[in-house]
Amino acid sequence: MEAAEAVLEAFNAGLTDEQRLRVALAHEMAENMTVIAC
């Protein structure tokens, strides 16, 4: 789990703030769709 988080942090460090926001938004939308599907 910690290794995956480290990879994620390194990935996020390479993103601009706008890209990070879009990823967060896409993640949020995916969660909402999962809830709606259930």
C-alpha atoms as a PDB file:
ATOM      1  CA  MET A   1       0.000   0.000   0.000  1.00  0.00           C
ATOM      2  CA  GLU A   2       2.773   2.420   0.945  1.00  0.00           C
ATOM      3  CA  ALA A   3       4.658   1.699  -2.272  1.00  0.00           C
ATOM      4  CA  ALA A   4       1.541   2.439  -4.313  1.00  0.00           C
ATOM      5  CA  GLU A   5       1.088   5.707  -2.427  1.00  0.00           C
ATOM      6  CA  ALA A   6       4.707   6.662  -3.111  1.00  0.00           C
ATOM      7  CA  VAL A   7       4.188   6.041  -6.827  1.00  0.00           C
ATOM      8  CA  LEU A   8       1.000   8.086  -6.725  1.00  0.00           C
ATOM      9  CA  GLU A   9       2.788  10.956  -4.982  1.00  0.00           C
ATOM     10  CA  ALA A  10       5.585  10.902  -7.550  1.00  0.00           C
ATOM     11  CA  PHE A  11       2.972  10.901 -10.320  1.00  0.00           C
ATOM     12  CA  ASN A  12       1.121  13.841  -8.734  1.00  0.00           C
ATOM     13  CA  ALA A  13       4.381  15.751  -8.298  1.00  0.00           C
ATOM     14  CA  GLY A  14       4.812  15.653 -12.083  1.00  0.00           C
ATOM     15  CA  LEU A  15       1.367  17.087 -12.729  1.00  0.00           C
ATOM     16  CA  THR A  16       0.413  20.723 -12.927  1.00  0.00           C
ATOM     17  CA  ASP A  17      -2.253  22.018 -10.548  1.00  0.00           C
ATOM     18  CA  GLU A  18      -4.806  22.038 -13.371  1.00  0.00           C
ATOM     19  CA  GLN A  19      -4.097  18.430 -14.297  1.00  0.00           C
ATOM     20  CA  ARG A  20      -4.289  17.402 -10.641  1.00  0.00           C
ATOM     21  CA  LEU A  21      -7.673  19.124 -10.381  1.00  0.00           C
ATOM     22  CA  ARG A  22      -8.937  17.292 -13.465  1.00  0.00           C
ATOM     23  CA  VAL A  23      -7.776  13.938 -12.091  1.00  0.00           C
ATOM     24  CA  ALA A  24      -9.524  14.661  -8.783  1.00  0.00           C
ATOM     25  CA  LEU A  25     -12.668  15.704 -10.654  1.00  0.00           C
ATOM     26  CA  ALA A  26     -12.609  12.578 -12.834  1.00  0.00           C
ATOM     27  CA  HIS A  27     -12.151  10.433  -9.720  1.00  0.00           C
ATOM     28  CA  GLU A  28     -15.098  12.177  -8.062  1.00  0.00           C
ATOM     29  CA  MET A  29     -17.292  11.596 -11.126  1.00  0.00           C
ATOM     30  CA  ALA A  30     -16.290   7.935 -11.283  1.00  0.00           C
ATOM     31  CA  GLU A  31     -17.272   7.493  -7.630  1.00  0.00           C
ATOM     32  CA  ASN A  32     -20.642   9.145  -8.256  1.00  0.00           C
ATOM     33  CA  MET A  33     -21.301   6.884 -11.254  1.00  0.00           C
ATOM     34  CA  THR A  34     -20.461   3.831  -9.150  1.00  0.00           C
ATOM     35  CA  VAL A  35     -22.977   4.941  -6.514  1.00  0.00           C
ATOM     36  CA  ILE A  36     -25.633   5.589  -9.173  1.00  0.00           C
ATOM     37  CA  ALA A  37     -24.980   2.178 -10.774  1.00  0.00           C
ATOM     38  CA  CYS A  38     -25.568   0.499  -7.416  1.00  0.00           C
END
